[in-house]
Amino acid sequence: MAKKKGTTKKEHNVQLKDRVQRPRKYKVLMHNDDFTPMEFVTAVLEQIFNHTPASATRIMIGVHKEGVGIAGIYSREIAETKKEQTIQVAQESGYPLLVTTEPE
């Protein structure tokens, strides 16, 4: 009997995990500064992060009082995209708004 290419007679004990881990989520953080107007931050939270006017205002006040606030929690790719969109809009408007991401 001819041996098939790429096959072996040895058996391997391989243990498979039964569960799949969910991808890690990332927080998009907005940092307070002395130059970016509160109205601009609120507008960005509504337009880019799809917050209601009430939740955008609440987050903006938190950023102002605490120095940093969570704009949203997303998959890594979406968090990075929203961060870059926010930074681009801020720079185009002449504001030095700092936006970062970090694992949840």
Protein backbone atom coordinates (compact mmCIF):
# COMPACT_ATOMS: atom_id res chain seq x y z
CA MET A 1 0.00 0.00 0.00
CA ALA A 2 1.48 3.38 -0.95
CA LYS A 3 1.85 6.04 1.69
CA LYS A 4 0.03 9.30 0.89
CA LYS A 5 2.16 12.41 0.80
CA GLY A 6 1.82 14.62 3.87
CA THR A 7 0.19 12.05 6.13
CA THR A 8 1.71 10.28 9.10
CA LYS A 9 0.66 7.28 11.10
CA LYS A 10 1.32 9.01 14.45
CA GLU A 11 -1.69 10.29 16.31
CA HIS A 12 -1.40 13.64 18.06
CA ASN A 13 -3.27 14.46 21.22
CA VAL A 14 -4.60 17.93 20.52
CA GLN A 15 -6.94 19.57 22.96
CA LEU A 16 -9.24 22.20 21.48
CA LYS A 17 -10.82 24.98 23.46
CA ASP A 18 -14.59 24.91 23.41
CA ARG A 19 -15.09 28.63 23.63
CA VAL A 20 -13.98 31.49 21.48
CA GLN A 21 -12.79 34.64 23.17
CA ARG A 22 -14.49 37.87 22.26
CA PRO A 23 -12.25 40.55 20.78
CA ARG A 24 -10.94 43.07 23.26
CA LYS A 25 -12.77 46.41 23.39
CA TYR A 26 -11.08 49.81 23.40
CA LYS A 27 -12.09 53.07 25.06
CA VAL A 28 -11.85 56.30 23.11
CA LEU A 29 -10.75 58.97 25.57
CA MET A 30 -11.09 62.72 25.16
CA HIS A 31 -8.68 64.86 27.16
CA ASN A 32 -9.38 68.34 28.47
CA ASP A 33 -7.40 71.34 27.26
CA ASP A 34 -7.67 75.10 27.68
CA PHE A 35 -8.33 75.86 24.01
CA THR A 36 -11.01 73.55 22.57
CA PRO A 37 -14.50 75.01 23.16
CA MET A 38 -17.03 72.91 25.04
CA GLU A 39 -19.51 73.37 22.18
CA PHE A 40 -17.03 71.83 19.74
CA VAL A 41 -16.49 68.78 21.99
CA THR A 42 -20.26 68.35 22.33
CA ALA A 43 -20.73 68.58 18.55
CA VAL A 44 -18.00 65.97 17.94
CA LEU A 45 -19.59 63.61 20.47
CA GLU A 46 -22.92 63.95 18.67
CA GLN A 47 -21.61 63.73 15.09
CA ILE A 48 -18.76 61.20 15.29
CA PHE A 49 -19.75 59.18 18.34
CA ASN A 50 -23.55 59.35 17.75
CA HIS A 51 -24.42 60.54 21.25
CA THR A 52 -27.66 62.34 22.00
CA PRO A 53 -27.32 66.02 22.90
CA ALA A 54 -27.93 65.14 26.56
CA SER A 55 -25.30 62.38 26.75
CA ALA A 56 -22.81 64.47 24.71
CA THR A 57 -23.21 67.34 27.18
CA ARG A 58 -22.80 65.00 30.14
CA ILE A 59 -19.59 63.51 28.70
CA MET A 60 -18.23 66.98 27.80
CA ILE A 61 -18.81 68.21 31.36
CA GLY A 62 -17.05 65.10 32.68
CA VAL A 63 -14.07 65.77 30.41
CA HIS A 64 -13.98 69.38 31.63
CA LYS A 65 -14.22 68.50 35.33
CA GLU A 66 -12.21 65.25 35.46
CA GLY A 67 -9.66 66.04 32.74
CA VAL A 68 -10.59 63.01 30.65
CA GLY A 69 -13.79 61.25 29.60
CA ILE A 70 -14.86 58.20 27.64
CA ALA A 71 -16.39 59.10 24.29
CA GLY A 72 -17.20 55.47 23.50
CA ILE A 73 -16.13 51.84 23.68
CA TYR A 74 -15.60 49.93 20.45
CA SER A 75 -13.61 47.25 18.71
CA ARG A 76 -9.99 48.29 18.15
CA GLU A 77 -10.46 49.22 14.48
CA ILE A 78 -13.55 51.34 15.09
CA ALA A 79 -11.99 53.05 18.14
CA GLU A 80 -8.89 53.98 16.13
CA THR A 81 -11.00 55.25 13.23
CA LYS A 82 -13.16 57.44 15.47
CA LYS A 83 -10.04 58.77 17.23
CA GLU A 84 -8.44 59.72 13.90
CA GLN A 85 -11.67 61.30 12.61
CA THR A 86 -11.96 63.41 15.77
CA ILE A 87 -8.34 64.55 15.65
CA GLN A 88 -8.68 65.46 11.96
CA VAL A 89 -11.86 67.51 12.53
CA ALA A 90 -10.25 69.24 15.53
CA GLN A 91 -7.10 70.11 13.57
CA GLU A 92 -9.14 71.39 10.62
CA SER A 93 -11.00 73.62 13.10
CA GLY A 94 -7.75 74.81 14.69
CA TYR A 95 -8.14 73.01 18.02
CA PRO A 96 -5.52 70.88 19.79
CA LEU A 97 -8.03 68.31 21.12
CA LEU A 98 -6.21 65.22 22.37
CA VAL A 99 -8.00 61.92 21.78
CA THR A 100 -6.47 58.56 22.71
CA THR A 101 -7.52 54.92 22.85
CA GLU A 102 -6.77 52.29 25.47
CA PRO A 103 -7.91 48.74 26.15
CA GLU A 104 -11.00 48.39 28.30
